[in-house]
Amino acid sequence: MRKKNYKGRCEKKSVQKCNEIFKAYDAVQSAYVNVLSSRDDIIEIRCNVTLEDMEYTSDFCVFETYIPCTDTELFEAIGNVPDIESLESEQIRVMHERYTIIAGVLPYIGNVKIRSCGIDEVARTNHISKQTVRNYLCKYLTYMDILALAPKKKDADRELSSFEKNIRWGLNKFFYSQKRNSLHTAYTMMLKEKILSFRCHGAARH
């Protein structure tokens, strides 16, 4: 886990099941991706994926074997596009802004080389990550409707998930501390603390 747009030294290499150049920022990340790529149950690997609503990225995001579903089942799971009348002016503005970003890539979506170059160009021009451009493309192509690009209203009273609570706890305890640990060290310490706590509690119940 690292801060978004981290600029430290990295190792770049091609990895099976990874659709882009893999960037490893330490030896552990570099070695473990080889373990993931050798697993038969994993069909795609992504690296340094931005965590939703956070300024940090995860080391890996993996996609395991999938079960095909119908359009009806898909929309039941991910929801339908919003009604235009329900959108606020700011949501509509962002929706059109996002469509403008991907509009130049859509005609070449079937050409991997041109599409990749197009994603690189619009990401650089708009000062956003290539993954953000891909996310916009995926949302639009899933529904083939510009309304899919409208941002959701943020719920200020939304309760944090257990993962988000652990991240916040780890940052406060290990990152914003007098020792001034690196973000990577703080994340590792948080994992060790939580995993050890989980195992201890599990053993106690038995």
N, C-alpha and C. Protein backbone atom coordinates (compact mmCIF):
# COMPACT_ATOMS: atom_id res chain seq x y z
N MET A 1 0.84 -1.19 0.00
CA MET A 1 0.00 0.00 0.00
C MET A 1 0.88 1.25 0.00
N ARG A 2 0.60 2.16 -0.93
CA ARG A 2 1.38 3.38 -1.02
C ARG A 2 0.47 4.56 -1.34
N LYS A 3 1.03 5.75 -1.13
CA LYS A 3 0.25 6.93 -1.43
C LYS A 3 0.04 7.04 -2.94
N LYS A 4 -1.12 7.54 -3.32
CA LYS A 4 -1.46 7.70 -4.73
C LYS A 4 -0.42 8.59 -5.41
N ASN A 5 -0.05 8.22 -6.65
CA ASN A 5 0.93 8.96 -7.44
C ASN A 5 2.33 8.94 -6.81
N TYR A 6 2.63 7.85 -6.11
CA TYR A 6 3.95 7.68 -5.51
C TYR A 6 5.02 7.68 -6.61
N LYS A 7 6.11 8.41 -6.40
CA LYS A 7 7.12 8.60 -7.44
C LYS A 7 8.45 7.91 -7.13
N GLY A 8 8.46 6.96 -6.22
CA GLY A 8 9.70 6.29 -5.84
C GLY A 8 10.23 5.38 -6.94
N ARG A 9 11.43 4.86 -6.73
CA ARG A 9 12.06 3.96 -7.70
C ARG A 9 11.27 2.66 -7.79
N CYS A 10 11.11 2.15 -8.98
CA CYS A 10 10.34 0.92 -9.16
C CYS A 10 10.99 0.02 -10.21
N GLU A 11 10.65 -1.25 -10.14
CA GLU A 11 11.09 -2.23 -11.14
C GLU A 11 9.94 -2.45 -12.12
N LYS A 12 10.20 -2.32 -13.40
CA LYS A 12 9.18 -2.52 -14.42
C LYS A 12 9.45 -3.82 -15.16
N LYS A 13 8.40 -4.63 -15.32
CA LYS A 13 8.57 -5.89 -16.03
C LYS A 13 7.23 -6.38 -16.56
N SER A 14 7.29 -7.24 -17.56
CA SER A 14 6.08 -7.86 -18.11
C SER A 14 5.74 -9.07 -17.27
N VAL A 15 4.45 -9.18 -16.92
CA VAL A 15 3.99 -10.28 -16.08
C VAL A 15 2.80 -10.95 -16.75
N GLN A 16 2.82 -12.26 -16.77
CA GLN A 16 1.70 -13.01 -17.33
C GLN A 16 0.43 -12.67 -16.54
N LYS A 17 -0.67 -12.46 -17.26
CA LYS A 17 -1.98 -12.15 -16.69
C LYS A 17 -2.13 -10.70 -16.26
N CYS A 18 -1.11 -9.89 -16.52
CA CYS A 18 -1.17 -8.46 -16.25
C CYS A 18 -1.19 -7.74 -17.58
N ASN A 19 -2.23 -6.94 -17.85
CA ASN A 19 -2.42 -6.33 -19.16
C ASN A 19 -1.57 -5.08 -19.39
N GLU A 20 -0.81 -4.67 -18.40
CA GLU A 20 0.06 -3.52 -18.55
C GLU A 20 1.41 -3.83 -17.92
N ILE A 21 2.38 -2.95 -18.10
CA ILE A 21 3.69 -3.16 -17.49
C ILE A 21 3.55 -3.15 -15.97
N PHE A 22 4.04 -4.20 -15.34
CA PHE A 22 3.94 -4.31 -13.89
C PHE A 22 5.03 -3.47 -13.23
N LYS A 23 4.64 -2.70 -12.22
CA LYS A 23 5.59 -1.85 -11.48
C LYS A 23 5.66 -2.33 -10.04
N ALA A 24 6.84 -2.78 -9.64
CA ALA A 24 7.06 -3.26 -8.27
C ALA A 24 7.95 -2.25 -7.54
N TYR A 25 7.49 -1.86 -6.34
CA TYR A 25 8.23 -0.85 -5.58
C TYR A 25 9.08 -1.45 -4.48
N ASP A 26 9.04 -2.77 -4.34
CA ASP A 26 9.95 -3.43 -3.40
C ASP A 26 10.09 -4.89 -3.81
N ALA A 27 11.04 -5.59 -3.18
CA ALA A 27 11.34 -6.96 -3.56
C ALA A 27 10.19 -7.91 -3.28
N VAL A 28 9.45 -7.65 -2.19
CA VAL A 28 8.32 -8.53 -1.83
C VAL A 28 7.24 -8.46 -2.90
N GLN A 29 6.90 -7.26 -3.32
CA GLN A 29 5.87 -7.09 -4.35
C GLN A 29 6.30 -7.74 -5.66
N SER A 30 7.59 -7.59 -5.99
CA SER A 30 8.12 -8.16 -7.22
C SER A 30 8.08 -9.68 -7.20
N ALA A 31 8.38 -10.28 -6.05
CA ALA A 31 8.42 -11.74 -5.95
C ALA A 31 7.01 -12.32 -5.88
N TYR A 32 6.12 -11.64 -5.16
CA TYR A 32 4.80 -12.22 -4.93
C TYR A 32 3.94 -12.21 -6.20
N VAL A 33 4.21 -11.25 -7.11
CA VAL A 33 3.42 -11.23 -8.34
C VAL A 33 3.68 -12.50 -9.16
N ASN A 34 4.87 -13.07 -9.04
CA ASN A 34 5.18 -14.31 -9.75
C ASN A 34 4.36 -15.47 -9.18
N VAL A 35 4.15 -15.43 -7.85
CA VAL A 35 3.31 -16.45 -7.22
C VAL A 35 1.88 -16.34 -7.71
N LEU A 36 1.37 -15.12 -7.78
CA LEU A 36 0.00 -14.90 -8.23
C LEU A 36 -0.19 -15.32 -9.68
N SER A 37 0.77 -14.98 -10.53
CA SER A 37 0.63 -15.30 -11.95
C SER A 37 0.69 -16.79 -12.24
N SER A 38 1.25 -17.56 -11.32
CA SER A 38 1.35 -19.01 -11.51
C SER A 38 0.10 -19.75 -11.06
N ARG A 39 -0.80 -19.05 -10.37
CA ARG A 39 -2.01 -19.70 -9.87
C ARG A 39 -3.05 -19.85 -10.98
N ASP A 40 -3.61 -21.05 -11.09
CA ASP A 40 -4.57 -21.33 -12.15
C ASP A 40 -5.92 -20.64 -11.93
N ASP A 41 -6.23 -20.32 -10.68
CA ASP A 41 -7.54 -19.74 -10.39
C ASP A 41 -7.57 -18.23 -10.60
N ILE A 42 -6.45 -17.61 -10.93
CA ILE A 42 -6.40 -16.16 -11.16
C ILE A 42 -6.28 -15.91 -12.66
N ILE A 43 -7.17 -15.05 -13.19
CA ILE A 43 -7.20 -14.79 -14.63
C ILE A 43 -6.65 -13.42 -14.99
N GLU A 44 -6.57 -12.50 -14.02
CA GLU A 44 -6.01 -11.18 -14.31
C GLU A 44 -5.41 -10.59 -13.04
N ILE A 45 -4.31 -9.87 -13.21
CA ILE A 45 -3.63 -9.20 -12.10
C ILE A 45 -3.48 -7.72 -12.44
N ARG A 46 -3.81 -6.87 -11.49
CA ARG A 46 -3.57 -5.44 -11.64
C ARG A 46 -2.72 -4.98 -10.47
N CYS A 47 -1.87 -4.02 -10.71
CA CYS A 47 -0.97 -3.56 -9.64
C CYS A 47 -1.22 -2.11 -9.29
N ASN A 48 -0.96 -1.78 -8.03
CA ASN A 48 -1.04 -0.40 -7.54
C ASN A 48 -2.37 0.26 -7.91
N VAL A 49 -3.47 -0.44 -7.56
CA VAL A 49 -4.82 0.03 -7.88
C VAL A 49 -5.28 1.03 -6.81
N THR A 50 -5.80 2.16 -7.24
CA THR A 50 -6.26 3.19 -6.31
C THR A 50 -7.46 2.68 -5.53
N LEU A 51 -7.41 2.79 -4.21
CA LEU A 51 -8.50 2.37 -3.36
C LEU A 51 -9.62 3.40 -3.42
N GLU A 52 -10.85 2.94 -3.46
CA GLU A 52 -12.00 3.82 -3.61
C GLU A 52 -12.09 4.81 -2.46
N ASP A 53 -12.27 6.10 -2.82
CA ASP A 53 -12.44 7.18 -1.85
C ASP A 53 -11.23 7.34 -0.93
N MET A 54 -10.06 6.90 -1.37
CA MET A 54 -8.86 7.04 -0.56
C MET A 54 -7.70 7.52 -1.42
N GLU A 55 -6.68 8.08 -0.78
CA GLU A 55 -5.51 8.59 -1.48
C GLU A 55 -4.37 7.57 -1.50
N TYR A 56 -4.72 6.29 -1.46
CA TYR A 56 -3.71 5.24 -1.42
C TYR A 56 -4.02 4.16 -2.45
N THR A 57 -2.99 3.37 -2.75
CA THR A 57 -3.15 2.28 -3.71
C THR A 57 -2.82 0.95 -3.04
N SER A 58 -3.45 -0.11 -3.51
CA SER A 58 -3.15 -1.46 -3.01
C SER A 58 -2.02 -2.05 -3.86
N ASP A 59 -1.29 -3.00 -3.30
CA ASP A 59 -0.20 -3.63 -4.05
C ASP A 59 -0.73 -4.43 -5.23
N PHE A 60 -1.83 -5.17 -5.00
CA PHE A 60 -2.39 -6.03 -6.04
C PHE A 60 -3.91 -5.98 -6.03
N CYS A 61 -4.47 -6.25 -7.19
CA CYS A 61 -5.90 -6.50 -7.32
C CYS A 61 -6.01 -7.67 -8.30
N VAL A 62 -6.58 -8.79 -7.85
CA VAL A 62 -6.63 -9.99 -8.69
C VAL A 62 -8.07 -10.36 -9.01
N PHE A 63 -8.25 -10.95 -10.17
CA PHE A 63 -9.57 -11.41 -10.61
C PHE A 63 -9.51 -12.92 -10.78
N GLU A 64 -10.38 -13.60 -10.06
CA GLU A 64 -10.39 -15.06 -10.11
C GLU A 64 -11.38 -15.55 -11.16
N THR A 65 -11.40 -16.86 -11.35
CA THR A 65 -12.28 -17.49 -12.33
C THR A 65 -13.72 -16.99 -12.16
N TYR A 66 -14.36 -16.64 -13.25
CA TYR A 66 -15.69 -16.05 -13.19
C TYR A 66 -16.76 -17.01 -13.72
N ILE A 67 -18.01 -16.73 -13.36
CA ILE A 67 -19.17 -17.48 -13.87
C ILE A 67 -19.97 -16.53 -14.74
N PRO A 68 -20.17 -16.82 -16.03
CA PRO A 68 -20.93 -15.92 -16.90
C PRO A 68 -22.34 -15.67 -16.36
N CYS A 69 -22.85 -14.46 -16.59
CA CYS A 69 -24.21 -14.13 -16.13
C CYS A 69 -24.93 -13.37 -17.24
N THR A 70 -26.24 -13.32 -17.14
CA THR A 70 -27.05 -12.60 -18.12
C THR A 70 -27.02 -11.11 -17.80
N ASP A 71 -27.49 -10.28 -18.74
CA ASP A 71 -27.54 -8.83 -18.51
C ASP A 71 -28.43 -8.51 -17.32
N THR A 72 -29.53 -9.25 -17.19
CA THR A 72 -30.44 -9.01 -16.07
C THR A 72 -29.76 -9.27 -14.74
N GLU A 73 -29.03 -10.38 -14.65
CA GLU A 73 -28.30 -10.70 -13.42
C GLU A 73 -27.22 -9.67 -13.13
N LEU A 74 -26.55 -9.20 -14.20
CA LEU A 74 -25.49 -8.21 -14.03
C LEU A 74 -26.04 -6.91 -13.46
N PHE A 75 -27.14 -6.41 -14.05
CA PHE A 75 -27.69 -5.13 -13.60
C PHE A 75 -28.31 -5.23 -12.21
N GLU A 76 -28.79 -6.42 -11.85
CA GLU A 76 -29.29 -6.62 -10.49
C GLU A 76 -28.15 -6.51 -9.48
N ALA A 77 -26.96 -6.94 -9.90
CA ALA A 77 -25.81 -6.93 -9.00
C ALA A 77 -25.17 -5.55 -8.91
N ILE A 78 -25.02 -4.86 -10.05
CA ILE A 78 -24.29 -3.58 -10.05
C ILE A 78 -25.20 -2.37 -10.13
N GLY A 79 -26.51 -2.61 -10.34
CA GLY A 79 -27.45 -1.50 -10.38
C GLY A 79 -27.64 -0.93 -11.78
N ASN A 80 -28.78 -0.32 -12.00
CA ASN A 80 -29.07 0.30 -13.28
C ASN A 80 -28.54 1.73 -13.31
N VAL A 81 -28.48 2.32 -14.49
CA VAL A 81 -28.03 3.71 -14.60
C VAL A 81 -29.08 4.62 -13.95
N PRO A 82 -28.66 5.77 -13.42
CA PRO A 82 -29.61 6.67 -12.77
C PRO A 82 -30.53 7.34 -13.77
N ASP A 83 -31.65 7.83 -13.29
CA ASP A 83 -32.59 8.58 -14.12
C ASP A 83 -32.06 10.01 -14.24
N ILE A 84 -32.09 10.58 -15.45
CA ILE A 84 -31.55 11.92 -15.68
C ILE A 84 -32.20 12.96 -14.79
N GLU A 85 -33.50 12.77 -14.50
CA GLU A 85 -34.21 13.73 -13.67
C GLU A 85 -33.74 13.72 -12.22
N SER A 86 -33.09 12.61 -11.82
CA SER A 86 -32.66 12.50 -10.42
C SER A 86 -31.27 13.10 -10.19
N LEU A 87 -30.60 13.49 -11.27
CA LEU A 87 -29.24 14.00 -11.15
C LEU A 87 -29.22 15.49 -10.86
N GLU A 88 -28.27 15.90 -10.04
CA GLU A 88 -28.06 17.31 -9.77
C GLU A 88 -27.15 17.89 -10.85
N SER A 89 -27.11 19.22 -10.92
CA SER A 89 -26.35 19.88 -11.99
C SER A 89 -24.86 19.51 -11.94
N GLU A 90 -24.29 19.37 -10.76
CA GLU A 90 -22.89 19.01 -10.64
C GLU A 90 -22.63 17.60 -11.14
N GLN A 91 -23.56 16.67 -10.87
CA GLN A 91 -23.42 15.30 -11.36
C GLN A 91 -23.47 15.27 -12.89
N ILE A 92 -24.36 16.07 -13.46
CA ILE A 92 -24.48 16.13 -14.92
C ILE A 92 -23.21 16.72 -15.54
N ARG A 93 -22.66 17.74 -14.90
CA ARG A 93 -21.42 18.36 -15.40
C ARG A 93 -20.27 17.34 -15.42
N VAL A 94 -20.11 16.60 -14.31
CA VAL A 94 -19.05 15.60 -14.22
C VAL A 94 -19.28 14.48 -15.23
N MET A 95 -20.54 14.09 -15.40
CA MET A 95 -20.88 13.03 -16.36
C MET A 95 -20.42 13.40 -17.76
N HIS A 96 -20.72 14.61 -18.21
CA HIS A 96 -20.31 15.06 -19.55
C HIS A 96 -18.79 15.23 -19.63
N GLU A 97 -18.18 15.66 -18.55
CA GLU A 97 -16.72 15.81 -18.52
C GLU A 97 -16.04 14.46 -18.70
N ARG A 98 -16.55 13.44 -18.03
CA ARG A 98 -15.98 12.10 -18.14
C ARG A 98 -16.18 11.53 -19.55
N TYR A 99 -17.35 11.79 -20.13
CA TYR A 99 -17.59 11.28 -21.49
C TYR A 99 -16.66 11.96 -22.49
N THR A 100 -16.42 13.26 -22.30
CA THR A 100 -15.51 13.99 -23.19
C THR A 100 -14.11 13.38 -23.13
N ILE A 101 -13.70 12.92 -21.95
CA ILE A 101 -12.37 12.33 -21.78
C ILE A 101 -12.22 11.06 -22.63
N ILE A 102 -13.26 10.22 -22.65
CA ILE A 102 -13.14 8.92 -23.33
C ILE A 102 -13.65 8.94 -24.77
N ALA A 103 -14.29 10.03 -25.18
CA ALA A 103 -14.93 10.07 -26.51
C ALA A 103 -13.94 9.78 -27.63
N GLY A 104 -12.71 10.27 -27.52
CA GLY A 104 -11.73 10.06 -28.57
C GLY A 104 -11.18 8.64 -28.63
N VAL A 105 -11.37 7.88 -27.55
CA VAL A 105 -10.87 6.51 -27.50
C VAL A 105 -11.90 5.51 -28.00
N LEU A 106 -13.17 5.82 -27.83
CA LEU A 106 -14.24 4.87 -28.15
C LEU A 106 -14.21 4.33 -29.59
N PRO A 107 -13.92 5.15 -30.61
CA PRO A 107 -13.92 4.60 -31.98
C PRO A 107 -12.86 3.53 -32.20
N TYR A 108 -11.84 3.48 -31.33
CA TYR A 108 -10.73 2.55 -31.51
C TYR A 108 -10.69 1.49 -30.40
N ILE A 109 -11.83 1.25 -29.78
CA ILE A 109 -11.86 0.35 -28.64
C ILE A 109 -11.45 -1.07 -29.02
N GLY A 110 -11.65 -1.46 -30.27
CA GLY A 110 -11.29 -2.80 -30.71
C GLY A 110 -9.85 -2.96 -31.15
N ASN A 111 -9.13 -1.85 -31.25
CA ASN A 111 -7.73 -1.87 -31.67
C ASN A 111 -6.86 -1.66 -30.43
N VAL A 112 -6.24 -2.72 -29.95
CA VAL A 112 -5.51 -2.67 -28.68
C VAL A 112 -4.42 -1.60 -28.70
N LYS A 113 -3.64 -1.53 -29.79
CA LYS A 113 -2.52 -0.61 -29.84
C LYS A 113 -2.98 0.85 -29.84
N ILE A 114 -3.94 1.18 -30.71
CA ILE A 114 -4.43 2.56 -30.79
C ILE A 114 -5.17 2.92 -29.51
N ARG A 115 -5.93 1.97 -28.97
CA ARG A 115 -6.66 2.23 -27.72
C ARG A 115 -5.70 2.54 -26.58
N SER A 116 -4.62 1.76 -26.49
CA SER A 116 -3.64 1.98 -25.43
C SER A 116 -2.98 3.35 -25.55
N CYS A 117 -2.62 3.72 -26.78
CA CYS A 117 -2.02 5.04 -27.01
C CYS A 117 -3.01 6.16 -26.68
N GLY A 118 -4.28 5.93 -27.04
CA GLY A 118 -5.31 6.93 -26.76
C GLY A 118 -5.53 7.12 -25.27
N ILE A 119 -5.52 6.02 -24.52
CA ILE A 119 -5.68 6.09 -23.07
C ILE A 119 -4.51 6.86 -22.45
N ASP A 120 -3.28 6.56 -22.94
CA ASP A 120 -2.10 7.27 -22.44
C ASP A 120 -2.22 8.78 -22.68
N GLU A 121 -2.67 9.13 -23.88
CA GLU A 121 -2.75 10.54 -24.27
C GLU A 121 -3.79 11.31 -23.44
N VAL A 122 -5.01 10.75 -23.31
CA VAL A 122 -6.05 11.48 -22.57
C VAL A 122 -5.75 11.52 -21.08
N ALA A 123 -5.07 10.49 -20.57
CA ALA A 123 -4.68 10.50 -19.16
C ALA A 123 -3.67 11.62 -18.90
N ARG A 124 -2.71 11.76 -19.80
CA ARG A 124 -1.69 12.80 -19.66
C ARG A 124 -2.30 14.19 -19.85
N THR A 125 -3.17 14.33 -20.83
CA THR A 125 -3.78 15.63 -21.12
C THR A 125 -4.67 16.11 -19.98
N ASN A 126 -5.39 15.18 -19.36
CA ASN A 126 -6.35 15.55 -18.31
C ASN A 126 -5.79 15.39 -16.90
N HIS A 127 -4.50 15.01 -16.82
CA HIS A 127 -3.82 14.88 -15.52
C HIS A 127 -4.53 13.89 -14.59
N ILE A 128 -4.91 12.76 -15.16
CA ILE A 128 -5.51 11.68 -14.38
C ILE A 128 -4.77 10.39 -14.70
N SER A 129 -5.00 9.35 -13.91
CA SER A 129 -4.31 8.09 -14.15
C SER A 129 -4.94 7.33 -15.31
N LYS A 130 -4.16 6.45 -15.91
CA LYS A 130 -4.69 5.61 -17.00
C LYS A 130 -5.78 4.68 -16.48
N GLN A 131 -5.65 4.27 -15.21
CA GLN A 131 -6.66 3.39 -14.64
C GLN A 131 -8.00 4.11 -14.53
N THR A 132 -7.97 5.40 -14.24
CA THR A 132 -9.21 6.18 -14.17
C THR A 132 -9.88 6.22 -15.53
N VAL A 133 -9.10 6.40 -16.59
CA VAL A 133 -9.65 6.40 -17.95
C VAL A 133 -10.27 5.04 -18.26
N ARG A 134 -9.57 3.97 -17.88
CA ARG A 134 -10.11 2.62 -18.12
C ARG A 134 -11.41 2.41 -17.35
N ASN A 135 -11.47 2.93 -16.14
CA ASN A 135 -12.71 2.79 -15.35
C ASN A 135 -13.88 3.49 -16.03
N TYR A 136 -13.63 4.68 -16.58
CA TYR A 136 -14.69 5.39 -17.30
C TYR A 136 -15.13 4.59 -18.52
N LEU A 137 -14.16 4.04 -19.25
CA LEU A 137 -14.49 3.24 -20.43
C LEU A 137 -15.32 2.02 -20.06
N CYS A 138 -14.92 1.33 -18.99
CA CYS A 138 -15.64 0.13 -18.58
C CYS A 138 -17.08 0.45 -18.17
N LYS A 139 -17.25 1.54 -17.44
CA LYS A 139 -18.60 1.93 -17.02
C LYS A 139 -19.47 2.25 -18.23
N TYR A 140 -18.92 3.01 -19.16
CA TYR A 140 -19.70 3.38 -20.33
C TYR A 140 -20.03 2.17 -21.20
N LEU A 141 -19.04 1.32 -21.44
CA LEU A 141 -19.24 0.16 -22.31
C LEU A 141 -20.14 -0.90 -21.69
N THR A 142 -20.18 -0.95 -20.35
CA THR A 142 -21.07 -1.90 -19.69
C THR A 142 -22.53 -1.59 -19.98
N TYR A 143 -22.87 -0.29 -19.94
CA TYR A 143 -24.27 0.12 -20.13
C TYR A 143 -24.53 0.73 -21.50
N MET A 144 -23.45 1.18 -22.20
CA MET A 144 -23.58 1.93 -23.45
C MET A 144 -24.52 3.11 -23.26
N ASP A 145 -24.31 3.81 -22.14
CA ASP A 145 -25.17 4.94 -21.78
C ASP A 145 -24.31 5.95 -21.02
N ILE A 146 -24.36 7.21 -21.44
CA ILE A 146 -23.56 8.24 -20.79
C ILE A 146 -23.95 8.43 -19.33
N LEU A 147 -25.18 8.09 -18.98
CA LEU A 147 -25.64 8.24 -17.61
C LEU A 147 -24.86 7.37 -16.63
N ALA A 148 -24.23 6.31 -17.15
CA ALA A 148 -23.43 5.44 -16.29
C ALA A 148 -22.21 6.16 -15.74
N LEU A 149 -21.83 7.27 -16.38
CA LEU A 149 -20.64 8.01 -15.96
C LEU A 149 -20.94 9.05 -14.89
N ALA A 150 -22.21 9.21 -14.54
CA ALA A 150 -22.57 10.18 -13.50
C ALA A 150 -22.08 9.70 -12.14
N PRO A 151 -21.41 10.56 -11.38
CA PRO A 151 -20.94 10.14 -10.05
C PRO A 151 -22.11 9.96 -9.09
N LYS A 152 -21.93 9.06 -8.15
CA LYS A 152 -22.96 8.83 -7.15
C LYS A 152 -22.91 9.92 -6.09
N LYS A 153 -24.06 10.18 -5.50
CA LYS A 153 -24.08 11.13 -4.40
C LYS A 153 -23.35 10.53 -3.21
N LYS A 154 -22.50 11.33 -2.59
CA LYS A 154 -21.77 10.84 -1.44
C LYS A 154 -22.62 10.94 -0.19
N ASP A 155 -22.65 9.85 0.55
CA ASP A 155 -23.40 9.82 1.80
C ASP A 155 -22.45 10.19 2.93
N ALA A 156 -22.64 11.40 3.46
CA ALA A 156 -21.74 11.87 4.53
C ALA A 156 -21.84 11.04 5.80
N ASP A 157 -22.99 10.39 5.96
CA ASP A 157 -23.21 9.61 7.18
C ASP A 157 -22.91 8.13 6.98
N ARG A 158 -22.29 7.77 5.85
CA ARG A 158 -22.01 6.37 5.58
C ARG A 158 -21.02 5.81 6.59
N GLU A 159 -21.34 4.65 7.11
CA GLU A 159 -20.46 4.02 8.09
C GLU A 159 -19.26 3.39 7.37
N LEU A 160 -18.08 3.55 7.95
CA LEU A 160 -16.88 2.98 7.35
C LEU A 160 -16.94 1.46 7.39
N SER A 161 -16.41 0.82 6.36
CA SER A 161 -16.32 -0.63 6.34
C SER A 161 -15.22 -1.06 7.30
N SER A 162 -15.18 -2.34 7.63
CA SER A 162 -14.16 -2.85 8.55
C SER A 162 -12.77 -2.62 7.98
N PHE A 163 -12.62 -2.75 6.65
CA PHE A 163 -11.32 -2.52 6.01
C PHE A 163 -10.91 -1.06 6.16
N GLU A 164 -11.84 -0.14 5.92
CA GLU A 164 -11.54 1.29 6.04
C GLU A 164 -11.21 1.66 7.49
N LYS A 165 -11.90 1.04 8.43
CA LYS A 165 -11.61 1.29 9.84
C LYS A 165 -10.20 0.82 10.20
N ASN A 166 -9.81 -0.35 9.67
CA ASN A 166 -8.47 -0.87 9.93
C ASN A 166 -7.40 0.04 9.33
N ILE A 167 -7.66 0.54 8.12
CA ILE A 167 -6.71 1.45 7.47
C ILE A 167 -6.55 2.73 8.29
N ARG A 168 -7.67 3.29 8.72
CA ARG A 168 -7.60 4.53 9.51
C ARG A 168 -6.88 4.30 10.83
N TRP A 169 -7.18 3.16 11.45
CA TRP A 169 -6.51 2.81 12.72
C TRP A 169 -5.01 2.67 12.50
N GLY A 170 -4.61 1.97 11.42
CA GLY A 170 -3.20 1.76 11.13
C GLY A 170 -2.46 3.06 10.84
N LEU A 171 -3.10 3.98 10.11
CA LEU A 171 -2.49 5.27 9.81
C LEU A 171 -2.25 6.07 11.08
N ASN A 172 -3.27 6.11 11.93
CA ASN A 172 -3.15 6.87 13.17
C ASN A 172 -2.11 6.29 14.11
N LYS A 173 -2.01 4.95 14.15
CA LYS A 173 -1.11 4.31 15.11
C LYS A 173 0.33 4.23 14.62
N PHE A 174 0.52 3.94 13.33
CA PHE A 174 1.86 3.66 12.83
C PHE A 174 2.42 4.72 11.87
N PHE A 175 1.57 5.47 11.19
CA PHE A 175 2.06 6.44 10.21
C PHE A 175 2.17 7.84 10.82
N TYR A 176 1.06 8.32 11.42
CA TYR A 176 1.08 9.63 12.08
C TYR A 176 1.58 9.46 13.51
N SER A 177 2.82 9.07 13.64
CA SER A 177 3.40 8.81 14.96
C SER A 177 4.78 9.46 15.04
N GLN A 178 5.35 9.47 16.25
CA GLN A 178 6.66 10.09 16.44
C GLN A 178 7.76 9.35 15.68
N LYS A 179 7.57 8.05 15.45
CA LYS A 179 8.59 7.27 14.73
C LYS A 179 8.63 7.60 13.25
N ARG A 180 7.53 8.17 12.73
CA ARG A 180 7.47 8.59 11.33
C ARG A 180 7.79 7.44 10.37
N ASN A 181 7.09 6.34 10.55
CA ASN A 181 7.28 5.18 9.67
C ASN A 181 6.85 5.54 8.25
N SER A 182 7.41 4.85 7.27
CA SER A 182 6.95 5.03 5.90
C SER A 182 5.56 4.44 5.77
N LEU A 183 4.84 4.83 4.72
CA LEU A 183 3.49 4.32 4.52
C LEU A 183 3.50 2.81 4.34
N HIS A 184 4.50 2.31 3.61
CA HIS A 184 4.60 0.86 3.39
C HIS A 184 4.83 0.13 4.71
N THR A 185 5.72 0.68 5.55
CA THR A 185 5.99 0.06 6.86
C THR A 185 4.75 0.10 7.74
N ALA A 186 4.06 1.23 7.73
CA ALA A 186 2.84 1.37 8.54
C ALA A 186 1.78 0.35 8.11
N TYR A 187 1.65 0.16 6.80
CA TYR A 187 0.67 -0.80 6.28
C TYR A 187 1.04 -2.22 6.70
N THR A 188 2.33 -2.57 6.60
CA THR A 188 2.80 -3.90 7.01
C THR A 188 2.56 -4.13 8.49
N MET A 189 2.85 -3.13 9.31
CA MET A 189 2.65 -3.24 10.76
C MET A 189 1.17 -3.39 11.11
N MET A 190 0.33 -2.68 10.36
CA MET A 190 -1.11 -2.78 10.59
C MET A 190 -1.60 -4.18 10.28
N LEU A 191 -1.11 -4.76 9.15
CA LEU A 191 -1.51 -6.12 8.79
C LEU A 191 -1.07 -7.12 9.85
N LYS A 192 0.17 -7.00 10.30
CA LYS A 192 0.68 -7.92 11.32
C LYS A 192 -0.14 -7.83 12.60
N GLU A 193 -0.45 -6.59 13.00
CA GLU A 193 -1.19 -6.36 14.24
C GLU A 193 -2.60 -6.95 14.14
N LYS A 194 -3.27 -6.68 13.04
CA LYS A 194 -4.65 -7.14 12.88
C LYS A 194 -4.72 -8.65 12.69
N ILE A 195 -3.80 -9.22 11.90
CA ILE A 195 -3.80 -10.66 11.69
C ILE A 195 -3.49 -11.39 12.99
N LEU A 196 -2.50 -10.88 13.75
CA LEU A 196 -2.15 -11.49 15.03
C LEU A 196 -3.32 -11.40 15.99
N SER A 197 -4.00 -10.23 16.00
CA SER A 197 -5.15 -10.05 16.89
C SER A 197 -6.27 -11.01 16.52
N PHE A 198 -6.50 -11.17 15.19
CA PHE A 198 -7.55 -12.07 14.72
C PHE A 198 -7.26 -13.52 15.12
N ARG A 199 -5.99 -13.93 14.96
CA ARG A 199 -5.61 -15.30 15.31
C ARG A 199 -5.74 -15.55 16.80
N CYS A 200 -5.34 -14.55 17.59
CA CYS A 200 -5.43 -14.69 19.05
C CYS A 200 -6.88 -14.83 19.51
N HIS A 201 -7.74 -13.99 18.93
CA HIS A 201 -9.16 -14.06 19.28
C HIS A 201 -9.76 -15.38 18.82
N GLY A 202 -9.34 -15.83 17.61
CA GLY A 202 -9.86 -17.09 17.10
C GLY A 202 -9.45 -18.26 17.97
N ALA A 203 -8.19 -18.23 18.44
CA ALA A 203 -7.71 -19.30 19.30
C ALA A 203 -8.42 -19.29 20.64
N ALA A 204 -8.72 -18.09 21.13
CA ALA A 204 -9.40 -17.98 22.41
C ALA A 204 -10.78 -18.57 22.37
N ARG A 205 -11.45 -18.38 21.22
CA ARG A 205 -12.82 -18.92 21.10
C ARG A 205 -12.81 -20.44 21.07
N HIS A 206 -11.72 -21.03 20.55
CA HIS A 206 -11.63 -22.48 20.51
C HIS A 206 -11.19 -23.04 21.85
